[in-house]
Amino acid sequence: MVFILGVNFPERNLVKKSLESFFGIGNLTSTRLLARFHIHPTCKVGDLANKQVLDITAALSDMKIENDLRRQYLDNIKRLKETGTYRGRRHALGLPVRGQRTRSQIKTAVKLNRMERRL
């Protein structure tokens, strides 16, 4: 087992997929991190040297991920609600925020918005 930022990863997992399991790190960010530290995309977590694990952990600790990013999203939504903007009112009513159609597909739209606020 290898610890990256306090999370235990099995040695057979790919490094790329393990990095993408963190909230706020997607395909592009994980690819850039691997390129930055000269790690092959098909490398497994167990194949990493101790220095590479420390480098990745240091890079991730500088980024805004997991709880900090979730808190920022919720603060942004709260700010929109408090200022009374159109988007804030849509969030408060549980309606779609980004221009989705509501005339015929209101159930799908409410589900989409609920997923977004669950962050």
PDB file of N, CA and C in Angstrom:
ATOM      1  N   MET A   1       0.826  -1.182   0.000  1.00  0.00           N
ATOM      2  CA  MET A   1       0.000   0.000   0.000  1.00  0.00           C
ATOM      3  C   MET A   1       0.879   1.257   0.000  1.00  0.00           C
ATOM      4  N   VAL A   2       0.449   2.224  -0.806  1.00  0.00           N
ATOM      5  CA  VAL A   2       1.196   3.471  -0.940  1.00  0.00           C
ATOM      6  C   VAL A   2       0.297   4.622  -0.509  1.00  0.00           C
ATOM      7  N   PHE A   3       0.847   5.516   0.304  1.00  0.00           N
ATOM      8  CA  PHE A   3       0.093   6.670   0.780  1.00  0.00           C
ATOM      9  C   PHE A   3       0.413   7.873  -0.084  1.00  0.00           C
ATOM     10  N   ILE A   4      -0.640   8.475  -0.666  1.00  0.00           N
ATOM     11  CA  ILE A   4      -0.504   9.741  -1.380  1.00  0.00           C
ATOM     12  C   ILE A   4      -1.495  10.696  -0.749  1.00  0.00           C
ATOM     13  N   LEU A   5      -0.984  11.737  -0.133  1.00  0.00           N
ATOM     14  CA  LEU A   5      -1.790  12.728   0.577  1.00  0.00           C
ATOM     15  C   LEU A   5      -2.663  12.075   1.650  1.00  0.00           C
ATOM     16  N   GLY A   6      -2.139  11.083   2.318  1.00  0.00           N
ATOM     17  CA  GLY A   6      -2.863  10.438   3.398  1.00  0.00           C
ATOM     18  C   GLY A   6      -3.879   9.410   2.966  1.00  0.00           C
ATOM     19  N   VAL A   7      -4.004   9.152   1.668  1.00  0.00           N
ATOM     20  CA  VAL A   7      -4.949   8.160   1.160  1.00  0.00           C
ATOM     21  C   VAL A   7      -4.172   6.912   0.768  1.00  0.00           C
ATOM     22  N   ASN A   8      -4.673   5.777   1.169  1.00  0.00           N
ATOM     23  CA  ASN A   8      -4.017   4.496   0.931  1.00  0.00           C
ATOM     24  C   ASN A   8      -4.455   3.938  -0.414  1.00  0.00           C
ATOM     25  N   PHE A   9      -3.529   3.705  -1.335  1.00  0.00           N
ATOM     26  CA  PHE A   9      -3.834   3.152  -2.657  1.00  0.00           C
ATOM     27  C   PHE A   9      -3.196   1.782  -2.811  1.00  0.00           C
ATOM     28  N   PRO A  10      -3.935   0.797  -3.350  1.00  0.00           N
ATOM     29  CA  PRO A  10      -3.327  -0.514  -3.626  1.00  0.00           C
ATOM     30  C   PRO A  10      -2.229  -0.377  -4.675  1.00  0.00           C
ATOM     31  N   GLU A  11      -1.257  -1.249  -4.603  1.00  0.00           N
ATOM     32  CA  GLU A  11      -0.101  -1.151  -5.490  1.00  0.00           C
ATOM     33  C   GLU A  11      -0.422  -1.490  -6.931  1.00  0.00           C
ATOM     34  N   ARG A  12      -1.512  -2.177  -7.196  1.00  0.00           N
ATOM     35  CA  ARG A  12      -1.840  -2.571  -8.573  1.00  0.00           C
ATOM     36  C   ARG A  12      -2.630  -1.493  -9.329  1.00  0.00           C
ATOM     37  N   ASN A  13      -3.068  -0.430  -8.645  1.00  0.00           N
ATOM     38  CA  ASN A  13      -3.802   0.650  -9.314  1.00  0.00           C
ATOM     39  C   ASN A  13      -2.872   1.477 -10.190  1.00  0.00           C
ATOM     40  N   LEU A  14      -3.437   2.027 -11.276  1.00  0.00           N
ATOM     41  CA  LEU A  14      -2.677   2.955 -12.102  1.00  0.00           C
ATOM     42  C   LEU A  14      -2.539   4.286 -11.361  1.00  0.00           C
ATOM     43  N   VAL A  15      -1.400   4.926 -11.538  1.00  0.00           N
ATOM     44  CA  VAL A  15      -1.152   6.207 -10.873  1.00  0.00           C
ATOM     45  C   VAL A  15      -2.147   7.243 -11.373  1.00  0.00           C
ATOM     46  N   LYS A  16      -2.412   7.242 -12.672  1.00  0.00           N
ATOM     47  CA  LYS A  16      -3.327   8.211 -13.271  1.00  0.00           C
ATOM     48  C   LYS A  16      -4.722   8.101 -12.661  1.00  0.00           C
ATOM     49  N   LYS A  17      -5.248   6.889 -12.543  1.00  0.00           N
ATOM     50  CA  LYS A  17      -6.580   6.689 -11.966  1.00  0.00           C
ATOM     51  C   LYS A  17      -6.594   7.020 -10.476  1.00  0.00           C
ATOM     52  N   SER A  18      -5.508   6.740  -9.788  1.00  0.00           N
ATOM     53  CA  SER A  18      -5.435   7.064  -8.367  1.00  0.00           C
ATOM     54  C   SER A  18      -5.470   8.574  -8.153  1.00  0.00           C
ATOM     55  N   LEU A  19      -4.773   9.318  -9.005  1.00  0.00           N
ATOM     56  CA  LEU A  19      -4.804  10.779  -8.891  1.00  0.00           C
ATOM     57  C   LEU A  19      -6.189  11.324  -9.208  1.00  0.00           C
ATOM     58  N   GLU A  20      -6.867  10.722 -10.190  1.00  0.00           N
ATOM     59  CA  GLU A  20      -8.197  11.197 -10.582  1.00  0.00           C
ATOM     60  C   GLU A  20      -9.251  10.890  -9.528  1.00  0.00           C
ATOM     61  N   SER A  21      -8.940  10.058  -8.559  1.00  0.00           N
ATOM     62  CA  SER A  21      -9.911   9.767  -7.511  1.00  0.00           C
ATOM     63  C   SER A  21     -10.064  10.932  -6.535  1.00  0.00           C
ATOM     64  N   PHE A  22      -9.126  11.874  -6.535  1.00  0.00           N
ATOM     65  CA  PHE A  22      -9.237  13.066  -5.699  1.00  0.00           C
ATOM     66  C   PHE A  22     -10.227  14.029  -6.333  1.00  0.00           C
ATOM     67  N   PHE A  23     -11.068  14.661  -5.513  1.00  0.00           N
ATOM     68  CA  PHE A  23     -12.043  15.630  -5.998  1.00  0.00           C
ATOM     69  C   PHE A  23     -11.297  16.865  -6.495  1.00  0.00           C
ATOM     70  N   GLY A  24     -11.539  17.243  -7.739  1.00  0.00           N
ATOM     71  CA  GLY A  24     -10.902  18.422  -8.313  1.00  0.00           C
ATOM     72  C   GLY A  24      -9.743  18.096  -9.237  1.00  0.00           C
ATOM     73  N   ILE A  25      -9.408  16.817  -9.379  1.00  0.00           N
ATOM     74  CA  ILE A  25      -8.343  16.420 -10.297  1.00  0.00           C
ATOM     75  C   ILE A  25      -8.964  15.540 -11.371  1.00  0.00           C
ATOM     76  N   GLY A  26      -8.880  15.998 -12.594  1.00  0.00           N
ATOM     77  CA  GLY A  26      -9.453  15.265 -13.708  1.00  0.00           C
ATOM     78  C   GLY A  26      -8.378  14.683 -14.597  1.00  0.00           C
ATOM     79  N   ASN A  27      -8.799  14.363 -15.799  1.00  0.00           N
ATOM     80  CA  ASN A  27      -7.913  13.720 -16.768  1.00  0.00           C
ATOM     81  C   ASN A  27      -6.733  14.620 -17.123  1.00  0.00           C
ATOM     82  N   LEU A  28      -7.002  15.867 -17.445  1.00  0.00           N
ATOM     83  CA  LEU A  28      -5.945  16.783 -17.885  1.00  0.00           C
ATOM     84  C   LEU A  28      -4.944  17.066 -16.769  1.00  0.00           C
ATOM     85  N   THR A  29      -5.434  17.321 -15.569  1.00  0.00           N
ATOM     86  CA  THR A  29      -4.541  17.639 -14.455  1.00  0.00           C
ATOM     87  C   THR A  29      -3.659  16.446 -14.094  1.00  0.00           C
ATOM     88  N   SER A  30      -4.255  15.245 -14.091  1.00  0.00           N
ATOM     89  CA  SER A  30      -3.450  14.064 -13.760  1.00  0.00           C
ATOM     90  C   SER A  30      -2.397  13.804 -14.840  1.00  0.00           C
ATOM     91  N   THR A  31      -2.752  14.013 -16.100  1.00  0.00           N
ATOM     92  CA  THR A  31      -1.783  13.839 -17.182  1.00  0.00           C
ATOM     93  C   THR A  31      -0.639  14.834 -17.051  1.00  0.00           C
ATOM     94  N   ARG A  32      -0.947  16.072 -16.706  1.00  0.00           N
ATOM     95  CA  ARG A  32       0.105  17.084 -16.535  1.00  0.00           C
ATOM     96  C   ARG A  32       1.020  16.754 -15.360  1.00  0.00           C
ATOM     97  N   LEU A  33       0.436  16.254 -14.269  1.00  0.00           N
ATOM     98  CA  LEU A  33       1.265  15.876 -13.123  1.00  0.00           C
ATOM     99  C   LEU A  33       2.216  14.734 -13.480  1.00  0.00           C
ATOM    100  N   LEU A  34       1.690  13.748 -14.211  1.00  0.00           N
ATOM    101  CA  LEU A  34       2.541  12.622 -14.611  1.00  0.00           C
ATOM    102  C   LEU A  34       3.672  13.087 -15.519  1.00  0.00           C
ATOM    103  N   ALA A  35       3.360  13.990 -16.449  1.00  0.00           N
ATOM    104  CA  ALA A  35       4.387  14.504 -17.357  1.00  0.00           C
ATOM    105  C   ALA A  35       5.418  15.338 -16.598  1.00  0.00           C
ATOM    106  N   ARG A  36       4.965  16.077 -15.615  1.00  0.00           N
ATOM    107  CA  ARG A  36       5.857  16.943 -14.848  1.00  0.00           C
ATOM    108  C   ARG A  36       6.909  16.142 -14.076  1.00  0.00           C
ATOM    109  N   PHE A  37       6.499  14.963 -13.589  1.00  0.00           N
ATOM    110  CA  PHE A  37       7.425  14.141 -12.801  1.00  0.00           C
ATOM    111  C   PHE A  37       7.962  12.952 -13.581  1.00  0.00           C
ATOM    112  N   HIS A  38       7.796  12.963 -14.904  1.00  0.00           N
ATOM    113  CA  HIS A  38       8.345  11.934 -15.803  1.00  0.00           C
ATOM    114  C   HIS A  38       7.877  10.532 -15.412  1.00  0.00           C
ATOM    115  N   ILE A  39       6.562  10.378 -15.258  1.00  0.00           N
ATOM    116  CA  ILE A  39       5.971   9.087 -14.925  1.00  0.00           C
ATOM    117  C   ILE A  39       5.158   8.631 -16.126  1.00  0.00           C
ATOM    118  N   HIS A  40       5.330   7.397 -16.549  1.00  0.00           N
ATOM    119  CA  HIS A  40       4.604   6.857 -17.698  1.00  0.00           C
ATOM    120  C   HIS A  40       3.123   6.699 -17.345  1.00  0.00           C
ATOM    121  N   PRO A  41       2.204   6.961 -18.295  1.00  0.00           N
ATOM    122  CA  PRO A  41       0.762   6.884 -17.996  1.00  0.00           C
ATOM    123  C   PRO A  41       0.280   5.504 -17.552  1.00  0.00           C
ATOM    124  N   THR A  42       0.974   4.433 -17.936  1.00  0.00           N
ATOM    125  CA  THR A  42       0.546   3.088 -17.543  1.00  0.00           C
ATOM    126  C   THR A  42       1.291   2.574 -16.312  1.00  0.00           C
ATOM    127  N   CYS A  43       1.988   3.464 -15.618  1.00  0.00           N
ATOM    128  CA  CYS A  43       2.734   3.074 -14.427  1.00  0.00           C
ATOM    129  C   CYS A  43       1.774   2.769 -13.282  1.00  0.00           C
ATOM    130  N   LYS A  44       2.098   1.756 -12.508  1.00  0.00           N
ATOM    131  CA  LYS A  44       1.288   1.372 -11.353  1.00  0.00           C
ATOM    132  C   LYS A  44       1.821   2.084 -10.102  1.00  0.00           C
ATOM    133  N   VAL A  45       0.957   2.199  -9.105  1.00  0.00           N
ATOM    134  CA  VAL A  45       1.339   2.895  -7.877  1.00  0.00           C
ATOM    135  C   VAL A  45       2.496   2.176  -7.192  1.00  0.00           C
ATOM    136  N   GLY A  46       2.522   0.861  -7.250  1.00  0.00           N
ATOM    137  CA  GLY A  46       3.586   0.098  -6.611  1.00  0.00           C
ATOM    138  C   GLY A  46       4.946   0.280  -7.260  1.00  0.00           C
ATOM    139  N   ASP A  47       4.980   0.738  -8.520  1.00  0.00           N
ATOM    140  CA  ASP A  47       6.244   0.928  -9.232  1.00  0.00           C
ATOM    141  C   ASP A  47       6.900   2.277  -8.956  1.00  0.00           C
ATOM    142  N   LEU A  48       6.206   3.150  -8.248  1.00  0.00           N
ATOM    143  CA  LEU A  48       6.743   4.488  -7.995  1.00  0.00           C
ATOM    144  C   LEU A  48       7.875   4.437  -6.974  1.00  0.00           C
ATOM    145  N   ALA A  49       8.886   5.260  -7.211  1.00  0.00           N
ATOM    146  CA  ALA A  49       9.959   5.416  -6.239  1.00  0.00           C
ATOM    147  C   ALA A  49       9.461   6.310  -5.110  1.00  0.00           C
ATOM    148  N   ASN A  50      10.126   6.223  -3.976  1.00  0.00           N
ATOM    149  CA  ASN A  50       9.716   7.004  -2.813  1.00  0.00           C
ATOM    150  C   ASN A  50       9.794   8.504  -3.097  1.00  0.00           C
ATOM    151  N   LYS A  51      10.808   8.933  -3.858  1.00  0.00           N
ATOM    152  CA  LYS A  51      10.951  10.356  -4.198  1.00  0.00           C
ATOM    153  C   LYS A  51       9.791  10.828  -5.073  1.00  0.00           C
ATOM    154  N   GLN A  52       9.352   9.978  -6.007  1.00  0.00           N
ATOM    155  CA  GLN A  52       8.226  10.353  -6.864  1.00  0.00           C
ATOM    156  C   GLN A  52       6.938  10.506  -6.051  1.00  0.00           C
ATOM    157  N   VAL A  53       6.724   9.622  -5.086  1.00  0.00           N
ATOM    158  CA  VAL A  53       5.541   9.728  -4.227  1.00  0.00           C
ATOM    159  C   VAL A  53       5.578  11.023  -3.430  1.00  0.00           C
ATOM    160  N   LEU A  54       6.755  11.368  -2.907  1.00  0.00           N
ATOM    161  CA  LEU A  54       6.886  12.619  -2.145  1.00  0.00           C
ATOM    162  C   LEU A  54       6.666  13.835  -3.040  1.00  0.00           C
ATOM    163  N   ASP A  55       7.169  13.784  -4.284  1.00  0.00           N
ATOM    164  CA  ASP A  55       6.977  14.895  -5.219  1.00  0.00           C
ATOM    165  C   ASP A  55       5.498  15.080  -5.555  1.00  0.00           C
ATOM    166  N   ILE A  56       4.806  13.978  -5.819  1.00  0.00           N
ATOM    167  CA  ILE A  56       3.376  14.060  -6.139  1.00  0.00           C
ATOM    168  C   ILE A  56       2.600  14.596  -4.948  1.00  0.00           C
ATOM    169  N   THR A  57       2.927  14.128  -3.754  1.00  0.00           N
ATOM    170  CA  THR A  57       2.249  14.593  -2.545  1.00  0.00           C
ATOM    171  C   THR A  57       2.483  16.081  -2.331  1.00  0.00           C
ATOM    172  N   ALA A  58       3.693  16.544  -2.580  1.00  0.00           N
ATOM    173  CA  ALA A  58       3.992  17.971  -2.423  1.00  0.00           C
ATOM    174  C   ALA A  58       3.218  18.801  -3.441  1.00  0.00           C
ATOM    175  N   ALA A  59       3.129  18.307  -4.675  1.00  0.00           N
ATOM    176  CA  ALA A  59       2.398  19.038  -5.708  1.00  0.00           C
ATOM    177  C   ALA A  59       0.904  19.086  -5.388  1.00  0.00           C
ATOM    178  N   LEU A  60       0.357  17.986  -4.886  1.00  0.00           N
ATOM    179  CA  LEU A  60      -1.069  17.955  -4.556  1.00  0.00           C
ATOM    180  C   LEU A  60      -1.391  18.828  -3.353  1.00  0.00           C
ATOM    181  N   SER A  61      -0.451  18.934  -2.416  1.00  0.00           N
ATOM    182  CA  SER A  61      -0.713  19.759  -1.234  1.00  0.00           C
ATOM    183  C   SER A  61      -0.753  21.246  -1.583  1.00  0.00           C
ATOM    184  N   ASP A  62      -0.111  21.634  -2.693  1.00  0.00           N
ATOM    185  CA  ASP A  62      -0.152  23.032  -3.139  1.00  0.00           C
ATOM    186  C   ASP A  62      -1.448  23.362  -3.869  1.00  0.00           C
ATOM    187  N   MET A  63      -2.143  22.332  -4.379  1.00  0.00           N
ATOM    188  CA  MET A  63      -3.365  22.560  -5.169  1.00  0.00           C
ATOM    189  C   MET A  63      -4.582  22.636  -4.255  1.00  0.00           C
ATOM    190  N   LYS A  64      -5.628  23.264  -4.762  1.00  0.00           N
ATOM    191  CA  LYS A  64      -6.887  23.340  -4.020  1.00  0.00           C
ATOM    192  C   LYS A  64      -7.744  22.167  -4.468  1.00  0.00           C
ATOM    193  N   ILE A  65      -7.817  21.126  -3.632  1.00  0.00           N
ATOM    194  CA  ILE A  65      -8.578  19.919  -3.950  1.00  0.00           C
ATOM    195  C   ILE A  65      -9.362  19.482  -2.722  1.00  0.00           C
ATOM    196  N   GLU A  66     -10.229  18.498  -2.924  1.00  0.00           N
ATOM    197  CA  GLU A  66     -11.029  17.872  -1.878  1.00  0.00           C
ATOM    198  C   GLU A  66     -11.863  18.902  -1.115  1.00  0.00           C
ATOM    199  N   ASN A  67     -11.750  18.965   0.204  1.00  0.00           N
ATOM    200  CA  ASN A  67     -12.649  19.771   1.026  1.00  0.00           C
ATOM    201  C   ASN A  67     -12.525  21.268   0.763  1.00  0.00           C
ATOM    202  N   ASP A  68     -11.321  21.744   0.478  1.00  0.00           N
ATOM    203  CA  ASP A  68     -11.148  23.170   0.185  1.00  0.00           C
ATOM    204  C   ASP A  68     -11.920  23.572  -1.060  1.00  0.00           C
ATOM    205  N   LEU A  69     -11.861  22.731  -2.080  1.00  0.00           N
ATOM    206  CA  LEU A  69     -12.563  23.019  -3.330  1.00  0.00           C
ATOM    207  C   LEU A  69     -14.070  22.921  -3.141  1.00  0.00           C
ATOM    208  N   ARG A  70     -14.527  21.900  -2.402  1.00  0.00           N
ATOM    209  CA  ARG A  70     -15.960  21.771  -2.115  1.00  0.00           C
ATOM    210  C   ARG A  70     -16.475  22.988  -1.364  1.00  0.00           C
ATOM    211  N   ARG A  71     -15.703  23.450  -0.381  1.00  0.00           N
ATOM    212  CA  ARG A  71     -16.091  24.623   0.400  1.00  0.00           C
ATOM    213  C   ARG A  71     -16.167  25.856  -0.492  1.00  0.00           C
ATOM    214  N   GLN A  72     -15.235  25.983  -1.427  1.00  0.00           N
ATOM    215  CA  GLN A  72     -15.245  27.126  -2.334  1.00  0.00           C
ATOM    216  C   GLN A  72     -16.496  27.105  -3.218  1.00  0.00           C
ATOM    217  N   TYR A  73     -16.861  25.916  -3.755  1.00  0.00           N
ATOM    218  CA  TYR A  73     -18.075  25.808  -4.568  1.00  0.00           C
ATOM    219  C   TYR A  73     -19.303  26.226  -3.770  1.00  0.00           C
ATOM    220  N   LEU A  74     -19.423  25.705  -2.554  1.00  0.00           N
ATOM    221  CA  LEU A  74     -20.600  26.029  -1.738  1.00  0.00           C
ATOM    222  C   LEU A  74     -20.625  27.510  -1.358  1.00  0.00           C
ATOM    223  N   ASP A  75     -19.457  28.096  -1.109  1.00  0.00           N
ATOM    224  CA  ASP A  75     -19.399  29.532  -0.811  1.00  0.00           C
ATOM    225  C   ASP A  75     -19.819  30.359  -2.016  1.00  0.00           C
ATOM    226  N   ASN A  76     -19.420  29.930  -3.220  1.00  0.00           N
ATOM    227  CA  ASN A  76     -19.819  30.655  -4.428  1.00  0.00           C
ATOM    228  C   ASN A  76     -21.330  30.599  -4.623  1.00  0.00           C
ATOM    229  N   ILE A  77     -21.928  29.425  -4.408  1.00  0.00           N
ATOM    230  CA  ILE A  77     -23.380  29.294  -4.548  1.00  0.00           C
ATOM    231  C   ILE A  77     -24.087  30.137  -3.488  1.00  0.00           C
ATOM    232  N   LYS A  78     -23.556  30.122  -2.258  1.00  0.00           N
ATOM    233  CA  LYS A  78     -24.145  30.913  -1.174  1.00  0.00           C
ATOM    234  C   LYS A  78     -24.081  32.410  -1.498  1.00  0.00           C
ATOM    235  N   ARG A  79     -22.951  32.841  -2.074  1.00  0.00           N
ATOM    236  CA  ARG A  79     -22.791  34.255  -2.452  1.00  0.00           C
ATOM    237  C   ARG A  79     -23.804  34.643  -3.522  1.00  0.00           C
ATOM    238  N   LEU A  80     -24.022  33.748  -4.508  1.00  0.00           N
ATOM    239  CA  LEU A  80     -24.999  34.028  -5.553  1.00  0.00           C
ATOM    240  C   LEU A  80     -26.405  34.156  -4.967  1.00  0.00           C
ATOM    241  N   LYS A  81     -26.729  33.305  -3.994  1.00  0.00           N
ATOM    242  CA  LYS A  81     -28.050  33.367  -3.366  1.00  0.00           C
ATOM    243  C   LYS A  81     -28.224  34.659  -2.583  1.00  0.00           C
ATOM    244  N   GLU A  82     -27.191  35.053  -1.850  1.00  0.00           N
ATOM    245  CA  GLU A  82     -27.281  36.255  -1.015  1.00  0.00           C
ATOM    246  C   GLU A  82     -27.399  37.526  -1.841  1.00  0.00           C
ATOM    247  N   THR A  83     -26.717  37.568  -2.985  1.00  0.00           N
ATOM    248  CA  THR A  83     -26.789  38.777  -3.805  1.00  0.00           C
ATOM    249  C   THR A  83     -28.073  38.833  -4.620  1.00  0.00           C
ATOM    250  N   GLY A  84     -28.795  37.713  -4.683  1.00  0.00           N
ATOM    251  CA  GLY A  84     -30.081  37.713  -5.371  1.00  0.00           C
ATOM    252  C   GLY A  84     -29.972  37.664  -6.883  1.00  0.00           C
ATOM    253  N   THR A  85     -28.897  37.120  -7.395  1.00  0.00           N
ATOM    254  CA  THR A  85     -28.750  37.033  -8.833  1.00  0.00           C
ATOM    255  C   THR A  85     -29.705  35.986  -9.400  1.00  0.00           C
ATOM    256  N   TYR A  86     -29.838  35.986 -10.703  1.00  0.00           N
ATOM    257  CA  TYR A  86     -30.712  35.024 -11.369  1.00  0.00           C
ATOM    258  C   TYR A  86     -30.264  33.601 -11.072  1.00  0.00           C
ATOM    259  N   ARG A  87     -28.954  33.369 -11.192  1.00  0.00           N
ATOM    260  CA  ARG A  87     -28.425  32.037 -10.922  1.00  0.00           C
ATOM    261  C   ARG A  87     -28.643  31.633  -9.474  1.00  0.00           C
ATOM    262  N   GLY A  88     -28.496  32.588  -8.553  1.00  0.00           N
ATOM    263  CA  GLY A  88     -28.714  32.289  -7.144  1.00  0.00           C
ATOM    264  C   GLY A  88     -30.155  31.903  -6.869  1.00  0.00           C
ATOM    265  N   ARG A  89     -31.103  32.605  -7.498  1.00  0.00           N
ATOM    266  CA  ARG A  89     -32.513  32.255  -7.315  1.00  0.00           C
ATOM    267  C   ARG A  89     -32.817  30.885  -7.882  1.00  0.00           C
ATOM    268  N   ARG A  90     -32.204  30.541  -9.014  1.00  0.00           N
ATOM    269  CA  ARG A  90     -32.414  29.223  -9.597  1.00  0.00           C
ATOM    270  C   ARG A  90     -31.869  28.126  -8.673  1.00  0.00           C
ATOM    271  N   HIS A  91     -30.721  28.383  -8.060  1.00  0.00           N
ATOM    272  CA  HIS A  91     -30.180  27.425  -7.094  1.00  0.00           C
ATOM    273  C   HIS A  91     -31.136  27.250  -5.922  1.00  0.00           C
ATOM    274  N   ALA A  92     -31.655  28.354  -5.414  1.00  0.00           N
ATOM    275  CA  ALA A  92     -32.529  28.296  -4.244  1.00  0.00           C
ATOM    276  C   ALA A  92     -33.822  27.542  -4.540  1.00  0.00           C
ATOM    277  N   LEU A  93     -34.342  27.665  -5.758  1.00  0.00           N
ATOM    278  CA  LEU A  93     -35.587  26.999  -6.123  1.00  0.00           C
ATOM    279  C   LEU A  93     -35.378  25.554  -6.559  1.00  0.00           C
ATOM    280  N   GLY A  94     -34.130  25.153  -6.733  1.00  0.00           N
ATOM    281  CA  GLY A  94     -33.862  23.790  -7.169  1.00  0.00           C
ATOM    282  C   GLY A  94     -34.101  23.582  -8.648  1.00  0.00           C
ATOM    283  N   LEU A  95     -34.040  24.642  -9.416  1.00  0.00           N
ATOM    284  CA  LEU A  95     -34.242  24.576 -10.862  1.00  0.00           C
ATOM    285  C   LEU A  95     -32.884  24.588 -11.562  1.00  0.00           C
ATOM    286  N   PRO A  96     -32.852  24.212 -12.841  1.00  0.00           N
ATOM    287  CA  PRO A  96     -31.565  24.208 -13.544  1.00  0.00           C
ATOM    288  C   PRO A  96     -31.001  25.619 -13.666  1.00  0.00           C
ATOM    289  N   VAL A  97     -29.696  25.710 -13.536  1.00  0.00           N
ATOM    290  CA  VAL A  97     -29.032  27.000 -13.468  1.00  0.00           C
ATOM    291  C   VAL A  97     -28.429  27.396 -14.804  1.00  0.00           C
ATOM    292  N   ARG A  98     -28.024  26.441 -15.608  1.00  0.00           N
ATOM    293  CA  ARG A  98     -27.218  26.735 -16.784  1.00  0.00           C
ATOM    294  C   ARG A  98     -28.001  26.703 -18.085  1.00  0.00           C
ATOM    295  N   GLY A  99     -29.247  27.104 -18.056  1.00  0.00           N
ATOM    296  CA  GLY A  99     -29.993  27.276 -19.293  1.00  0.00           C
ATOM    297  C   GLY A  99     -30.627  26.025 -19.845  1.00  0.00           C
ATOM    298  N   GLN A 100     -30.748  24.960 -19.040  1.00  0.00           N
ATOM    299  CA  GLN A 100     -31.392  23.766 -19.548  1.00  0.00           C
ATOM    300  C   GLN A 100     -32.883  24.007 -19.719  1.00  0.00           C
ATOM    301  N   ARG A 101     -33.491  23.207 -20.560  1.00  0.00           N
ATOM    302  CA  ARG A 101     -34.900  23.316 -20.857  1.00  0.00           C
ATOM    303  C   ARG A 101     -35.723  22.796 -19.675  1.00  0.00           C
ATOM    304  N   THR A 102     -36.782  23.524 -19.308  1.00  0.00           N
ATOM    305  CA  THR A 102     -37.613  23.075 -18.194  1.00  0.00           C
ATOM    306  C   THR A 102     -39.055  22.841 -18.598  1.00  0.00           C
ATOM    307  N   ARG A 103     -39.405  23.177 -19.817  1.00  0.00           N
ATOM    308  CA  ARG A 103     -40.804  23.063 -20.208  1.00  0.00           C
ATOM    309  C   ARG A 103     -41.269  21.613 -20.233  1.00  0.00           C
ATOM    310  N   SER A 104     -40.450  20.731 -20.817  1.00  0.00           N
ATOM    311  CA  SER A 104     -40.880  19.350 -20.947  1.00  0.00           C
ATOM    312  C   SER A 104     -40.038  18.392 -20.114  1.00  0.00           C
ATOM    313  N   GLN A 105     -38.927  18.852 -19.583  1.00  0.00           N
ATOM    314  CA  GLN A 105     -38.021  17.940 -18.894  1.00  0.00           C
ATOM    315  C   GLN A 105     -37.681  18.442 -17.501  1.00  0.00           C
ATOM    316  N   ILE A 106     -38.669  18.858 -16.746  1.00  0.00           N
ATOM    317  CA  ILE A 106     -38.406  19.451 -15.438  1.00  0.00           C
ATOM    318  C   ILE A 106     -37.822  18.441 -14.460  1.00  0.00           C
ATOM    319  N   LYS A 107     -38.231  17.162 -14.544  1.00  0.00           N
ATOM    320  CA  LYS A 107     -37.717  16.173 -13.590  1.00  0.00           C
ATOM    321  C   LYS A 107     -36.222  15.968 -13.793  1.00  0.00           C
ATOM    322  N   THR A 108     -35.794  15.854 -15.030  1.00  0.00           N
ATOM    323  CA  THR A 108     -34.381  15.675 -15.320  1.00  0.00           C
ATOM    324  C   THR A 108     -33.598  16.907 -14.876  1.00  0.00           C
ATOM    325  N   ALA A 109     -34.159  18.085 -15.113  1.00  0.00           N
ATOM    326  CA  ALA A 109     -33.470  19.318 -14.768  1.00  0.00           C
ATOM    327  C   ALA A 109     -33.305  19.438 -13.256  1.00  0.00           C
ATOM    328  N   VAL A 110     -34.317  19.070 -12.493  1.00  0.00           N
ATOM    329  CA  VAL A 110     -34.218  19.150 -11.044  1.00  0.00           C
ATOM    330  C   VAL A 110     -33.170  18.162 -10.541  1.00  0.00           C
ATOM    331  N   LYS A 111     -33.093  16.986 -11.150  1.00  0.00           N
ATOM    332  CA  LYS A 111     -32.072  16.015 -10.766  1.00  0.00           C
ATOM    333  C   LYS A 111     -30.677  16.557 -11.045  1.00  0.00           C
ATOM    334  N   LEU A 112     -30.506  17.211 -12.191  1.00  0.00           N
ATOM    335  CA  LEU A 112     -29.199  17.780 -12.525  1.00  0.00           C
ATOM    336  C   LEU A 112     -28.779  18.816 -11.498  1.00  0.00           C
ATOM    337  N   ASN A 113     -29.703  19.673 -11.108  1.00  0.00           N
ATOM    338  CA  ASN A 113     -29.367  20.719 -10.171  1.00  0.00           C
ATOM    339  C   ASN A 113     -29.105  20.139  -8.790  1.00  0.00           C
ATOM    340  N   ARG A 114     -29.859  19.100  -8.414  1.00  0.00           N
ATOM    341  CA  ARG A 114     -29.650  18.477  -7.126  1.00  0.00           C
ATOM    342  C   ARG A 114     -28.253  17.868  -7.044  1.00  0.00           C
ATOM    343  N   MET A 115     -27.810  17.256  -8.136  1.00  0.00           N
ATOM    344  CA  MET A 115     -26.476  16.675  -8.161  1.00  0.00           C
ATOM    345  C   MET A 115     -25.411  17.758  -7.980  1.00  0.00           C
ATOM    346  N   GLU A 116     -25.629  18.907  -8.579  1.00  0.00           N
ATOM    347  CA  GLU A 116     -24.649  19.969  -8.513  1.00  0.00           C
ATOM    348  C   GLU A 116     -24.568  20.537  -7.106  1.00  0.00           C
ATOM    349  N   ARG A 117     -25.693  20.632  -6.403  1.00  0.00           N
ATOM    350  CA  ARG A 117     -25.682  21.214  -5.060  1.00  0.00           C
ATOM    351  C   ARG A 117     -25.219  20.228  -4.012  1.00  0.00           C
ATOM    352  N   ARG A 118     -25.150  18.933  -4.345  1.00  0.00           N
ATOM    353  CA  ARG A 118     -24.752  17.920  -3.373  1.00  0.00           C
ATOM    354  C   ARG A 118     -23.254  17.967  -3.071  1.00  0.00           C
ATOM    355  N   LEU A 119     -22.500  18.779  -3.807  1.00  0.00           N
ATOM    356  CA  LEU A 119     -21.072  18.872  -3.588  1.00  0.00           C
ATOM    357  C   LEU A 119     -20.843  19.223  -2.161  1.00  0.00           C
TER     358      LEU A 119
END
